[in-house]
Amino acid sequence: ESGGGLVQPGGSLRLSCAGSGVTFNKYGMRWYRL
């Protein structure tokens, strides 16, 4: 995962989830936060 950072309220970010040695297209994907 990448793309996070510090932003002010109202700002925007785009996060990325890249596979290393694993493919995604045949499967589902979920975003979680903690």
Full PDB file with SEQRES, HELIX, SHEET, SSBOND, CRYST1, ORIGX, SCALE, CONECT and MASTER records, all heavy atoms in Angstrom:
SEQRES   1 A   34  GLU SER GLY GLY GLY LEU VAL GLN PRO GLY GLY SER LEU          
SEQRES   2 A   34  ARG LEU SER CYS ALA GLY SER GLY VAL THR PHE ASN LYS          
SEQRES   3 A   34  TYR GLY MET ARG TRP TYR ARG LEU                              
CRYST1    1.000    1.000    1.000  90.00  90.00  90.00 P 1           1          
ORIGX1      1.000000  0.000000  0.000000        0.00000                         
ORIGX2      0.000000  1.000000  0.000000        0.00000                         
ORIGX3      0.000000  0.000000  1.000000        0.00000                         
SCALE1      1.000000  0.000000  0.000000        0.00000                         
SCALE2      0.000000  1.000000  0.000000        0.00000                         
SCALE3      0.000000  0.000000  1.000000        0.00000                         
ATOM      1  N   GLU A   1       0.836  -1.187   0.000  1.00  0.00           N  
ATOM      2  CA  GLU A   1       0.000   0.000   0.000  1.00  0.00           C  
ATOM      3  C   GLU A   1       0.876   1.244   0.000  1.00  0.00           C  
ATOM      4  O   GLU A   1       1.922   1.271   0.647  1.00  0.00           O  
ATOM      5  CB  GLU A   1      -0.920   0.033   1.225  1.00  0.00           C  
ATOM      6  CG  GLU A   1      -1.878  -1.154   1.330  1.00  0.00           C  
ATOM      7  CD  GLU A   1      -1.358  -2.257   2.228  1.00  0.00           C  
ATOM      8  OE1 GLU A   1      -0.132  -2.299   2.485  1.00  0.00           O  
ATOM      9  OE2 GLU A   1      -2.171  -3.084   2.683  1.00  0.00           O  
ATOM     10  N   SER A   2       0.431   2.267  -0.694  1.00  0.00           N  
ATOM     11  CA  SER A   2       1.172   3.513  -0.747  1.00  0.00           C  
ATOM     12  C   SER A   2       0.212   4.661  -1.030  1.00  0.00           C  
ATOM     13  O   SER A   2      -0.952   4.447  -1.349  1.00  0.00           O  
ATOM     14  CB  SER A   2       2.270   3.464  -1.808  1.00  0.00           C  
ATOM     15  OG  SER A   2       1.730   3.288  -3.101  1.00  0.00           O  
ATOM     16  N   GLY A   3       0.722   5.876  -0.921  1.00  0.00           N  
ATOM     17  CA  GLY A   3      -0.055   7.054  -1.258  1.00  0.00           C  
ATOM     18  C   GLY A   3      -0.584   7.835  -0.080  1.00  0.00           C  
ATOM     19  O   GLY A   3      -1.178   8.901  -0.268  1.00  0.00           O  
ATOM     20  N   GLY A   4      -0.389   7.338   1.120  1.00  0.00           N  
ATOM     21  CA  GLY A   4      -0.850   8.056   2.281  1.00  0.00           C  
ATOM     22  C   GLY A   4      -0.002   9.282   2.563  1.00  0.00           C  
ATOM     23  O   GLY A   4       1.010   9.533   1.913  1.00  0.00           O  
ATOM     24  N   GLY A   5      -0.446  10.045   3.537  1.00  0.00           N  
ATOM     25  CA  GLY A   5       0.271  11.245   3.900  1.00  0.00           C  
ATOM     26  C   GLY A   5      -0.540  12.115   4.818  1.00  0.00           C  
ATOM     27  O   GLY A   5      -1.576  11.700   5.349  1.00  0.00           O  
ATOM     28  N   LEU A   6      -0.065  13.323   5.002  1.00  0.00           N  
ATOM     29  CA  LEU A   6      -0.721  14.310   5.849  1.00  0.00           C  
ATOM     30  C   LEU A   6      -1.438  15.324   4.978  1.00  0.00           C  
ATOM     31  O   LEU A   6      -0.827  15.940   4.093  1.00  0.00           O  
ATOM     32  CB  LEU A   6       0.312  15.007   6.730  1.00  0.00           C  
ATOM     33  CG  LEU A   6      -0.180  16.175   7.579  1.00  0.00           C  
ATOM     34  CD1 LEU A   6      -1.196  15.703   8.611  1.00  0.00           C  
ATOM     35  CD2 LEU A   6       0.989  16.867   8.251  1.00  0.00           C  
ATOM     36  N   VAL A   7      -2.727  15.501   5.228  1.00  0.00           N  
ATOM     37  CA  VAL A   7      -3.517  16.475   4.489  1.00  0.00           C  
ATOM     38  C   VAL A   7      -4.401  17.247   5.452  1.00  0.00           C  
ATOM     39  O   VAL A   7      -4.704  16.789   6.557  1.00  0.00           O  
ATOM     40  CB  VAL A   7      -4.393  15.819   3.405  1.00  0.00           C  
ATOM     41  CG1 VAL A   7      -3.532  15.134   2.354  1.00  0.00           C  
ATOM     42  CG2 VAL A   7      -5.370  14.833   4.028  1.00  0.00           C  
ATOM     43  N   GLN A   8      -4.829  18.418   5.016  1.00  0.00           N  
ATOM     44  CA  GLN A   8      -5.767  19.209   5.785  1.00  0.00           C  
ATOM     45  C   GLN A   8      -7.199  18.754   5.512  1.00  0.00           C  
ATOM     46  O   GLN A   8      -7.474  18.136   4.478  1.00  0.00           O  
ATOM     47  CB  GLN A   8      -5.618  20.688   5.441  1.00  0.00           C  
ATOM     48  CG  GLN A   8      -4.288  21.291   5.855  1.00  0.00           C  
ATOM     49  CD  GLN A   8      -4.210  22.772   5.572  1.00  0.00           C  
ATOM     50  OE1 GLN A   8      -4.826  23.266   4.634  1.00  0.00           O  
ATOM     51  NE2 GLN A   8      -3.452  23.489   6.382  1.00  0.00           N  
ATOM     52  N   PRO A   9      -8.109  19.037   6.433  1.00  0.00           N  
ATOM     53  CA  PRO A   9      -9.508  18.703   6.169  1.00  0.00           C  
ATOM     54  C   PRO A   9      -9.981  19.273   4.840  1.00  0.00           C  
ATOM     55  O   PRO A   9      -9.690  20.421   4.497  1.00  0.00           O  
ATOM     56  CB  PRO A   9     -10.244  19.332   7.341  1.00  0.00           C  
ATOM     57  CG  PRO A   9      -9.235  19.338   8.445  1.00  0.00           C  
ATOM     58  CD  PRO A   9      -7.914  19.614   7.764  1.00  0.00           C  
ATOM     59  N   GLY A  10     -10.698  18.457   4.100  1.00  0.00           N  
ATOM     60  CA  GLY A  10     -11.145  18.839   2.779  1.00  0.00           C  
ATOM     61  C   GLY A  10     -10.211  18.434   1.669  1.00  0.00           C  
ATOM     62  O   GLY A  10     -10.581  18.531   0.487  1.00  0.00           O  
ATOM     63  N   GLY A  11      -9.034  17.975   2.016  1.00  0.00           N  
ATOM     64  CA  GLY A  11      -8.062  17.565   1.026  1.00  0.00           C  
ATOM     65  C   GLY A  11      -8.337  16.191   0.457  1.00  0.00           C  
ATOM     66  O   GLY A  11      -9.284  15.512   0.844  1.00  0.00           O  
ATOM     67  N   SER A  12      -7.465  15.787  -0.459  1.00  0.00           N  
ATOM     68  CA  SER A  12      -7.636  14.525  -1.163  1.00  0.00           C  
ATOM     69  C   SER A  12      -6.333  13.747  -1.203  1.00  0.00           C  
ATOM     70  O   SER A  12      -5.246  14.318  -1.185  1.00  0.00           O  
ATOM     71  CB  SER A  12      -8.107  14.758  -2.599  1.00  0.00           C  
ATOM     72  OG  SER A  12      -9.359  15.416  -2.640  1.00  0.00           O  
ATOM     73  N   LEU A  13      -6.468  12.445  -1.282  1.00  0.00           N  
ATOM     74  CA  LEU A  13      -5.353  11.540  -1.485  1.00  0.00           C  
ATOM     75  C   LEU A  13      -5.811  10.399  -2.372  1.00  0.00           C  
ATOM     76  O   LEU A  13      -6.993  10.061  -2.385  1.00  0.00           O  
ATOM     77  CB  LEU A  13      -4.837  10.966  -0.165  1.00  0.00           C  
ATOM     78  CG  LEU A  13      -4.073  11.878   0.783  1.00  0.00           C  
ATOM     79  CD1 LEU A  13      -3.857  11.167   2.110  1.00  0.00           C  
ATOM     80  CD2 LEU A  13      -2.733  12.278   0.177  1.00  0.00           C  
ATOM     81  N   ARG A  14      -4.868   9.805  -3.085  1.00  0.00           N  
ATOM     82  CA  ARG A  14      -5.149   8.586  -3.822  1.00  0.00           C  
ATOM     83  C   ARG A  14      -4.195   7.504  -3.351  1.00  0.00           C  
ATOM     84  O   ARG A  14      -2.982   7.618  -3.518  1.00  0.00           O  
ATOM     85  CB  ARG A  14      -5.021   8.771  -5.333  1.00  0.00           C  
ATOM     86  CG  ARG A  14      -5.543   7.544  -6.101  1.00  0.00           C  
ATOM     87  CD  ARG A  14      -5.565   7.734  -7.597  1.00  0.00           C  
ATOM     88  NE  ARG A  14      -4.247   7.590  -8.195  1.00  0.00           N  
ATOM     89  CZ  ARG A  14      -4.036   7.238  -9.452  1.00  0.00           C  
ATOM     90  NH1 ARG A  14      -5.064   6.991 -10.259  1.00  0.00           N  
ATOM     91  NH2 ARG A  14      -2.803   7.155  -9.918  1.00  0.00           N  
ATOM     92  N   LEU A  15      -4.764   6.473  -2.783  1.00  0.00           N  
ATOM     93  CA  LEU A  15      -3.989   5.349  -2.308  1.00  0.00           C  
ATOM     94  C   LEU A  15      -3.854   4.301  -3.401  1.00  0.00           C  
ATOM     95  O   LEU A  15      -4.739   4.150  -4.245  1.00  0.00           O  
ATOM     96  CB  LEU A  15      -4.644   4.715  -1.081  1.00  0.00           C  
ATOM     97  CG  LEU A  15      -4.990   5.651   0.072  1.00  0.00           C  
ATOM     98  CD1 LEU A  15      -5.543   4.842   1.242  1.00  0.00           C  
ATOM     99  CD2 LEU A  15      -3.788   6.468   0.503  1.00  0.00           C  
ATOM    100  N   SER A  16      -2.750   3.579  -3.361  1.00  0.00           N  
ATOM    101  CA  SER A  16      -2.504   2.507  -4.308  1.00  0.00           C  
ATOM    102  C   SER A  16      -2.265   1.206  -3.563  1.00  0.00           C  
ATOM    103  O   SER A  16      -1.662   1.191  -2.488  1.00  0.00           O  
ATOM    104  CB  SER A  16      -1.285   2.812  -5.181  1.00  0.00           C  
ATOM    105  OG  SER A  16      -1.487   3.961  -5.970  1.00  0.00           O  
ATOM    106  N   CYS A  17      -2.725   0.139  -4.154  1.00  0.00           N  
ATOM    107  CA  CYS A  17      -2.494  -1.202  -3.645  1.00  0.00           C  
ATOM    108  C   CYS A  17      -1.925  -2.016  -4.790  1.00  0.00           C  
ATOM    109  O   CYS A  17      -2.639  -2.330  -5.750  1.00  0.00           O  
ATOM    110  CB  CYS A  17      -3.795  -1.814  -3.127  1.00  0.00           C  
ATOM    111  SG  CYS A  17      -3.670  -3.539  -2.629  1.00  0.00           S  
ATOM    112  N   ALA A  18      -0.658  -2.330  -4.707  1.00  0.00           N  
ATOM    113  CA  ALA A  18       0.030  -3.052  -5.759  1.00  0.00           C  
ATOM    114  C   ALA A  18       0.378  -4.462  -5.302  1.00  0.00           C  
ATOM    115  O   ALA A  18       0.710  -4.679  -4.137  1.00  0.00           O  
ATOM    116  CB  ALA A  18       1.298  -2.315  -6.173  1.00  0.00           C  
ATOM    117  N   GLY A  19       0.315  -5.381  -6.230  1.00  0.00           N  
ATOM    118  CA  GLY A  19       0.653  -6.759  -5.935  1.00  0.00           C  
ATOM    119  C   GLY A  19       2.096  -7.069  -6.259  1.00  0.00           C  
ATOM    120  O   GLY A  19       2.611  -6.666  -7.297  1.00  0.00           O  
ATOM    121  N   SER A  20       2.733  -7.787  -5.360  1.00  0.00           N  
ATOM    122  CA  SER A  20       4.090  -8.269  -5.567  1.00  0.00           C  
ATOM    123  C   SER A  20       4.055  -9.784  -5.490  1.00  0.00           C  
ATOM    124  O   SER A  20       3.899 -10.345  -4.403  1.00  0.00           O  
ATOM    125  CB  SER A  20       5.044  -7.684  -4.520  1.00  0.00           C  
ATOM    126  OG  SER A  20       6.354  -8.190  -4.691  1.00  0.00           O  
ATOM    127  N   GLY A  21       4.178 -10.420  -6.637  1.00  0.00           N  
ATOM    128  CA  GLY A  21       4.094 -11.859  -6.679  1.00  0.00           C  
ATOM    129  C   GLY A  21       2.696 -12.407  -6.508  1.00  0.00           C  
ATOM    130  O   GLY A  21       2.527 -13.603  -6.228  1.00  0.00           O  
ATOM    131  N   VAL A  22       1.703 -11.558  -6.678  1.00  0.00           N  
ATOM    132  CA  VAL A  22       0.309 -11.956  -6.538  1.00  0.00           C  
ATOM    133  C   VAL A  22      -0.526 -11.138  -7.508  1.00  0.00           C  
ATOM    134  O   VAL A  22      -0.299  -9.941  -7.679  1.00  0.00           O  
ATOM    135  CB  VAL A  22      -0.175 -11.779  -5.083  1.00  0.00           C  
ATOM    136  CG1 VAL A  22       0.016 -10.338  -4.623  1.00  0.00           C  
ATOM    137  CG2 VAL A  22      -1.619 -12.203  -4.931  1.00  0.00           C  
ATOM    138  N   THR A  23      -1.487 -11.792  -8.144  1.00  0.00           N  
ATOM    139  CA  THR A  23      -2.351 -11.114  -9.096  1.00  0.00           C  
ATOM    140  C   THR A  23      -3.688 -10.788  -8.460  1.00  0.00           C  
ATOM    141  O   THR A  23      -4.130 -11.426  -7.497  1.00  0.00           O  
ATOM    142  CB  THR A  23      -2.575 -11.962 -10.352  1.00  0.00           C  
ATOM    143  OG1 THR A  23      -3.143 -13.222  -9.986  1.00  0.00           O  
ATOM    144  CG2 THR A  23      -1.261 -12.196 -11.073  1.00  0.00           C  
ATOM    145  N   PHE A  24      -4.358  -9.790  -9.028  1.00  0.00           N  
ATOM    146  CA  PHE A  24      -5.607  -9.301  -8.467  1.00  0.00           C  
ATOM    147  C   PHE A  24      -6.826  -9.559  -9.347  1.00  0.00           C  
ATOM    148  O   PHE A  24      -7.940  -9.678  -8.832  1.00  0.00           O  
ATOM    149  CB  PHE A  24      -5.511  -7.786  -8.231  1.00  0.00           C  
ATOM    150  CG  PHE A  24      -4.536  -7.370  -7.163  1.00  0.00           C  
ATOM    151  CD1 PHE A  24      -4.060  -6.068  -7.129  1.00  0.00           C  
ATOM    152  CD2 PHE A  24      -4.109  -8.249  -6.190  1.00  0.00           C  
ATOM    153  CE1 PHE A  24      -3.173  -5.660  -6.153  1.00  0.00           C  
ATOM    154  CE2 PHE A  24      -3.219  -7.860  -5.207  1.00  0.00           C  
ATOM    155  CZ  PHE A  24      -2.751  -6.555  -5.191  1.00  0.00           C  
ATOM    156  N   ASN A  25      -6.656  -9.595 -10.651  1.00  0.00           N  
ATOM    157  CA  ASN A  25      -7.791  -9.467 -11.552  1.00  0.00           C  
ATOM    158  C   ASN A  25      -8.833 -10.566 -11.435  1.00  0.00           C  
ATOM    159  O   ASN A  25      -9.994 -10.346 -11.789  1.00  0.00           O  
ATOM    160  CB  ASN A  25      -7.312  -9.333 -13.004  1.00  0.00           C  
ATOM    161  CG  ASN A  25      -6.695 -10.603 -13.538  1.00  0.00           C  
ATOM    162  OD1 ASN A  25      -6.041 -11.351 -12.824  1.00  0.00           O  
ATOM    163  ND2 ASN A  25      -6.898 -10.849 -14.828  1.00  0.00           N  
ATOM    164  N   LYS A  26      -8.449 -11.725 -10.955  1.00  0.00           N  
ATOM    165  CA  LYS A  26      -9.400 -12.825 -10.803  1.00  0.00           C  
ATOM    166  C   LYS A  26     -10.123 -12.791  -9.465  1.00  0.00           C  
ATOM    167  O   LYS A  26     -11.018 -13.614  -9.229  1.00  0.00           O  
ATOM    168  CB  LYS A  26      -8.696 -14.173 -10.942  1.00  0.00           C  
ATOM    169  CG  LYS A  26      -8.074 -14.438 -12.301  1.00  0.00           C  
ATOM    170  CD  LYS A  26      -7.421 -15.807 -12.308  1.00  0.00           C  
ATOM    171  CE  LYS A  26      -6.780 -16.123 -13.642  1.00  0.00           C  
ATOM    172  NZ  LYS A  26      -6.121 -17.460 -13.631  1.00  0.00           N  
ATOM    173  N   TYR A  27      -9.759 -11.864  -8.619  1.00  0.00           N  
ATOM    174  CA  TYR A  27     -10.231 -11.871  -7.247  1.00  0.00           C  
ATOM    175  C   TYR A  27     -10.857 -10.543  -6.864  1.00  0.00           C  
ATOM    176  O   TYR A  27     -10.783  -9.559  -7.594  1.00  0.00           O  
ATOM    177  CB  TYR A  27      -9.071 -12.191  -6.298  1.00  0.00           C  
ATOM    178  CG  TYR A  27      -8.328 -13.446  -6.669  1.00  0.00           C  
ATOM    179  CD1 TYR A  27      -7.155 -13.388  -7.409  1.00  0.00           C  
ATOM    180  CD2 TYR A  27      -8.816 -14.692  -6.295  1.00  0.00           C  
ATOM    181  CE1 TYR A  27      -6.474 -14.543  -7.764  1.00  0.00           C  
ATOM    182  CE2 TYR A  27      -8.141 -15.849  -6.652  1.00  0.00           C  
ATOM    183  CZ  TYR A  27      -6.970 -15.764  -7.385  1.00  0.00           C  
ATOM    184  OH  TYR A  27      -6.306 -16.918  -7.738  1.00  0.00           O  
ATOM    185  N   GLY A  28     -11.489 -10.554  -5.711  1.00  0.00           N  
ATOM    186  CA  GLY A  28     -11.997  -9.327  -5.141  1.00  0.00           C  
ATOM    187  C   GLY A  28     -10.930  -8.624  -4.318  1.00  0.00           C  
ATOM    188  O   GLY A  28      -9.885  -9.187  -3.998  1.00  0.00           O  
ATOM    189  N   MET A  29     -11.222  -7.385  -3.994  1.00  0.00           N  
ATOM    190  CA  MET A  29     -10.297  -6.607  -3.193  1.00  0.00           C  
ATOM    191  C   MET A  29     -11.094  -5.720  -2.251  1.00  0.00           C  
ATOM    192  O   MET A  29     -12.126  -5.162  -2.636  1.00  0.00           O  
ATOM    193  CB  MET A  29      -9.384  -5.753  -4.071  1.00  0.00           C  
ATOM    194  CG  MET A  29      -8.303  -4.990  -3.312  1.00  0.00           C  
ATOM    195  SD  MET A  29      -7.089  -6.100  -2.531  1.00  0.00           S  
ATOM    196  CE  MET A  29      -6.267  -6.733  -3.991  1.00  0.00           C  
ATOM    197  N   ARG A  30     -10.600  -5.593  -1.041  1.00  0.00           N  
ATOM    198  CA  ARG A  30     -11.211  -4.755  -0.032  1.00  0.00           C  
ATOM    199  C   ARG A  30     -10.202  -3.770   0.522  1.00  0.00           C  
ATOM    200  O   ARG A  30      -9.024  -4.094   0.684  1.00  0.00           O  
ATOM    201  CB  ARG A  30     -11.782  -5.603   1.110  1.00  0.00           C  
ATOM    202  CG  ARG A  30     -12.987  -6.450   0.708  1.00  0.00           C  
ATOM    203  CD  ARG A  30     -13.335  -7.470   1.754  1.00  0.00           C  
ATOM    204  NE  ARG A  30     -14.592  -8.153   1.452  1.00  0.00           N  
ATOM    205  CZ  ARG A  30     -14.902  -9.378   1.853  1.00  0.00           C  
ATOM    206  NH1 ARG A  30     -14.039 -10.069   2.587  1.00  0.00           N  
ATOM    207  NH2 ARG A  30     -16.069  -9.916   1.528  1.00  0.00           N  
ATOM    208  N   TRP A  31     -10.676  -2.594   0.797  1.00  0.00           N  
ATOM    209  CA  TRP A  31      -9.909  -1.606   1.536  1.00  0.00           C  
ATOM    210  C   TRP A  31     -10.452  -1.530   2.960  1.00  0.00           C  
ATOM    211  O   TRP A  31     -11.664  -1.399   3.162  1.00  0.00           O  
ATOM    212  CB  TRP A  31      -9.994  -0.221   0.897  1.00  0.00           C  
ATOM    213  CG  TRP A  31      -9.120  -0.031  -0.293  1.00  0.00           C  
ATOM    214  CD1 TRP A  31      -9.479  -0.119  -1.604  1.00  0.00           C  
ATOM    215  CD2 TRP A  31      -7.725   0.318  -0.278  1.00  0.00           C  
ATOM    216  NE1 TRP A  31      -8.397   0.148  -2.414  1.00  0.00           N  
ATOM    217  CE2 TRP A  31      -7.308   0.420  -1.632  1.00  0.00           C  
ATOM    218  CE3 TRP A  31      -6.791   0.554   0.723  1.00  0.00           C  
ATOM    219  CZ2 TRP A  31      -5.995   0.739  -1.991  1.00  0.00           C  
ATOM    220  CZ3 TRP A  31      -5.487   0.869   0.363  1.00  0.00           C  
ATOM    221  CH2 TRP A  31      -5.105   0.961  -0.974  1.00  0.00           C  
ATOM    222  N   TYR A  32      -9.542  -1.609   3.913  1.00  0.00           N  
ATOM    223  CA  TYR A  32      -9.852  -1.463   5.320  1.00  0.00           C  
ATOM    224  C   TYR A  32      -9.082  -0.277   5.885  1.00  0.00           C  
ATOM    225  O   TYR A  32      -8.090   0.179   5.309  1.00  0.00           O  
ATOM    226  CB  TYR A  32      -9.444  -2.705   6.115  1.00  0.00           C  
ATOM    227  CG  TYR A  32     -10.188  -3.980   5.798  1.00  0.00           C  
ATOM    228  CD1 TYR A  32      -9.781  -4.810   4.764  1.00  0.00           C  
ATOM    229  CD2 TYR A  32     -11.282  -4.369   6.570  1.00  0.00           C  
ATOM    230  CE1 TYR A  32     -10.436  -5.993   4.495  1.00  0.00           C  
ATOM    231  CE2 TYR A  32     -11.949  -5.557   6.307  1.00  0.00           C  
ATOM    232  CZ  TYR A  32     -11.517  -6.362   5.269  1.00  0.00           C  
ATOM    233  OH  TYR A  32     -12.173  -7.546   5.008  1.00  0.00           O  
ATOM    234  N   ARG A  33      -9.517   0.165   7.034  1.00  0.00           N  
ATOM    235  CA  ARG A  33      -8.733   1.133   7.772  1.00  0.00           C  
ATOM    236  C   ARG A  33      -8.787   0.820   9.249  1.00  0.00           C  
ATOM    237  O   ARG A  33      -9.760   0.254   9.748  1.00  0.00           O  
ATOM    238  CB  ARG A  33      -9.194   2.565   7.509  1.00  0.00           C  
ATOM    239  CG  ARG A  33     -10.600   2.892   7.977  1.00  0.00           C  
ATOM    240  CD  ARG A  33     -10.963   4.303   7.529  1.00  0.00           C  
ATOM    241  NE  ARG A  33     -12.318   4.674   7.910  1.00  0.00           N  
ATOM    242  CZ  ARG A  33     -12.920   5.783   7.520  1.00  0.00           C  
ATOM    243  NH1 ARG A  33     -12.273   6.647   6.734  1.00  0.00           N  
ATOM    244  NH2 ARG A  33     -14.160   6.045   7.915  1.00  0.00           N  
ATOM    245  N   LEU A  34      -7.717   1.188   9.927  1.00  0.00           N  
ATOM    246  CA  LEU A  34      -7.597   0.954  11.350  1.00  0.00           C  
ATOM    247  C   LEU A  34      -7.140   2.249  12.003  1.00  0.00           C  
ATOM    248  O   LEU A  34      -6.025   2.709  11.771  1.00  0.00           O  
ATOM    249  CB  LEU A  34      -6.597  -0.167  11.630  1.00  0.00           C  
ATOM    250  CG  LEU A  34      -6.404  -0.544  13.101  1.00  0.00           C  
ATOM    251  CD1 LEU A  34      -7.699  -1.055  13.702  1.00  0.00           C  
ATOM    252  CD2 LEU A  34      -5.297  -1.584  13.230  1.00  0.00           C  
TER     253      LEU A  34                                                      
MASTER        0    0    0    0    0    0    0    6  252    1    0    3          
END                                                                             
